[in-house]
C-alpha atoms as a PDB file:
ATOM      1  CA  MET A   1      11.237 152.088 200.850  1.00  0.00           C
ATOM      2  CA  LYS A   2      10.047 152.865 204.348  1.00  0.00           C
ATOM      3  CA  GLU A   3      12.573 152.468 207.137  1.00  0.00           C
ATOM      4  CA  GLY A   4      11.977 149.680 209.672  1.00  0.00           C
ATOM      5  CA  VAL A   5       9.360 147.857 207.574  1.00  0.00           C
ATOM      6  CA  HIS A   6      11.496 145.453 205.538  1.00  0.00           C
ATOM      7  CA  PRO A   7      13.653 142.680 207.040  1.00  0.00           C
ATOM      8  CA  GLU A   8      17.430 142.892 206.777  1.00  0.00           C
ATOM      9  CA  TYR A   9      18.663 141.323 203.526  1.00  0.00           C
ATOM     10  CA  ARG A  10      22.228 140.067 203.978  1.00  0.00           C
ATOM     11  CA  ASP A  11      24.703 137.297 203.164  1.00  0.00           C
ATOM     12  CA  VAL A  12      23.954 134.010 204.964  1.00  0.00           C
ATOM     13  CA  VAL A  13      25.873 130.700 204.922  1.00  0.00           C
ATOM     14  CA  PHE A  14      23.824 127.547 204.303  1.00  0.00           C
ATOM     15  CA  GLN A  15      25.471 124.262 205.321  1.00  0.00           C
ATOM     16  CA  ASP A  16      24.334 120.838 204.096  1.00  0.00           C
ATOM     17  CA  LEU A  17      24.555 118.504 207.094  1.00  0.00           C
ATOM     18  CA  GLN A  18      24.804 115.348 204.958  1.00  0.00           C
ATOM     19  CA  THR A  19      27.717 116.447 202.769  1.00  0.00           C
ATOM     20  CA  GLY A  20      29.213 119.292 204.804  1.00  0.00           C
ATOM     21  CA  ASN A  21      29.142 121.649 201.804  1.00  0.00           C
ATOM     22  CA  LYS A  22      28.662 125.338 202.558  1.00  0.00           C
ATOM     23  CA  PHE A  23      27.479 128.103 200.264  1.00  0.00           C
ATOM     24  CA  ILE A  24      26.876 131.797 200.742  1.00  0.00           C
ATOM     25  CA  THR A  25      23.766 133.461 199.420  1.00  0.00           C
ATOM     26  CA  ARG A  26      21.649 136.449 200.324  1.00  0.00           C
ATOM     27  CA  SER A  27      18.657 135.945 202.602  1.00  0.00           C
ATOM     28  CA  THR A  28      16.498 137.561 205.276  1.00  0.00           C
ATOM     29  CA  LEU A  29      16.909 134.487 207.479  1.00  0.00           C
ATOM     30  CA  ASN A  30      17.668 135.049 211.165  1.00  0.00           C
ATOM     31  CA  SER A  31      19.998 132.611 212.907  1.00  0.00           C
ATOM     32  CA  ARG A  32      21.644 132.454 216.328  1.00  0.00           C
ATOM     33  CA  GLU A  33      24.614 130.503 214.968  1.00  0.00           C
ATOM     34  CA  THR A  34      27.433 132.212 213.104  1.00  0.00           C
ATOM     35  CA  ILE A  35      30.437 131.029 211.123  1.00  0.00           C
ATOM     36  CA  GLU A  36      33.605 132.779 210.027  1.00  0.00           C
ATOM     37  CA  ILE A  37      34.669 132.399 206.397  1.00  0.00           C
ATOM     38  CA  ASP A  38      37.624 134.323 204.937  1.00  0.00           C
ATOM     39  CA  GLY A  39      37.774 136.569 208.007  1.00  0.00           C
ATOM     40  CA  LYS A  40      34.110 137.592 207.762  1.00  0.00           C
ATOM     41  CA  THR A  41      31.369 136.452 210.146  1.00  0.00           C
ATOM     42  CA  TYR A  42      28.091 135.243 208.607  1.00  0.00           C
ATOM     43  CA  PRO A  43      24.855 133.869 210.081  1.00  0.00           C
ATOM     44  CA  LEU A  44      24.764 130.056 209.661  1.00  0.00           C
ATOM     45  CA  PHE A  45      21.726 127.991 208.691  1.00  0.00           C
ATOM     46  CA  LYS A  46      22.061 124.195 208.763  1.00  0.00           C
ATOM     47  CA  CYS A  47      20.026 122.348 206.120  1.00  0.00           C
ATOM     48  CA  ASP A  48      19.175 118.655 206.305  1.00  0.00           C
ATOM     49  CA  VAL A  49      18.912 118.328 202.520  1.00  0.00           C
ATOM     50  CA  THR A  50      20.083 120.521 199.647  1.00  0.00           C
ATOM     51  CA  SER A  51      20.531 119.963 195.945  1.00  0.00           C
ATOM     52  CA  GLU A  52      24.014 118.612 196.746  1.00  0.00           C
ATOM     53  CA  SER A  53      22.620 115.673 198.732  1.00  0.00           C
ATOM     54  CA  HIS A  54      19.011 115.127 197.574  1.00  0.00           C
ATOM     55  CA  PRO A  55      18.636 111.853 195.606  1.00  0.00           C
ATOM     56  CA  PHE A  56      16.618 113.540 192.856  1.00  0.00           C
ATOM     57  CA  TYR A  57      19.489 115.897 192.006  1.00  0.00           C
ATOM     58  CA  THR A  58      22.372 113.493 192.631  1.00  0.00           C
ATOM     59  CA  GLY A  59      20.962 110.733 190.413  1.00  0.00           C
ATOM     60  CA  ALA A  60      20.946 108.219 193.259  1.00  0.00           C
ATOM     61  CA  GLN A  61      17.184 107.987 193.188  1.00  0.00           C
ATOM     62  CA  THR A  62      15.989 104.392 193.355  1.00  0.00           C
ATOM     63  CA  ARG A  63      13.643 103.327 190.623  1.00  0.00           C
ATOM     64  CA  ILE A  64      11.012 100.680 191.185  1.00  0.00           C
ATOM     65  CA  VAL A  65      11.047  98.075 188.453  1.00  0.00           C
ATOM     66  CA  GLU A  66       7.429  97.737 187.362  1.00  0.00           C
ATOM     67  CA  THR A  67       7.842  94.328 185.747  1.00  0.00           C
ATOM     68  CA  GLY A  68       9.123  92.869 189.012  1.00  0.00           C
ATOM     69  CA  ARG A  69       6.120  94.218 190.865  1.00  0.00           C
ATOM     70  CA  VAL A  70       3.676  92.836 188.286  1.00  0.00           C
ATOM     71  CA  GLU A  71       5.321  89.419 188.390  1.00  0.00           C
ATOM     72  CA  LYS A  72       5.130  89.357 192.193  1.00  0.00           C
ATOM     73  CA  PHE A  73       1.439  90.258 191.999  1.00  0.00           C
ATOM     74  CA  ARG A  74       0.692  87.523 189.455  1.00  0.00           C
ATOM     75  CA  ALA A  75       2.660  84.932 191.424  1.00  0.00           C
ATOM     76  CA  ARG A  76       0.876  85.807 194.663  1.00  0.00           C
ATOM     77  CA  PHE A  77      -2.630  85.815 193.240  1.00  0.00           C
ATOM     78  CA  ALA A  78      -2.167  82.939 190.770  1.00  0.00           C
ATOM     79  CA  ARG A  79      -2.535  80.541 193.692  1.00  0.00           C
ATOM     80  CA  THR A  80      -5.676  82.199 195.065  1.00  0.00           C
ATOM     81  CA  GLY A  81      -7.199  82.798 191.611  1.00  0.00           C
ATOM     82  CA  ALA A  82      -7.201  79.079 190.840  1.00  0.00           C
ATOM     83  CA  LYS A  83      -9.056  78.337 194.086  1.00  0.00           C
ATOM     84  CA  THR A  84     -11.865  80.833 193.452  1.00  0.00           C
ATOM     85  CA  SER A  85     -12.540  79.663 189.904  1.00  0.00           C
ATOM     86  CA  ALA A  86     -12.932  76.020 190.983  1.00  0.00           C
END
């Protein structure tokens, strides 16, 4: 590889702001913030959402009940449907 062409690939700490969980992985990410873990200083990147807090991965995803929506639709337009057919 040519020198000075590729970004620095190093360990970086990612912190989930919703849960407070931190994990170390390798990245080329640049950050002004740092954090010390086990006596070593790492660049810190704060994430709003990770797989630890995203509803899709945690199972807390809300499901829309289709039958309830259909019943609301029928109830709302049953009144107006009778008026137009008369």
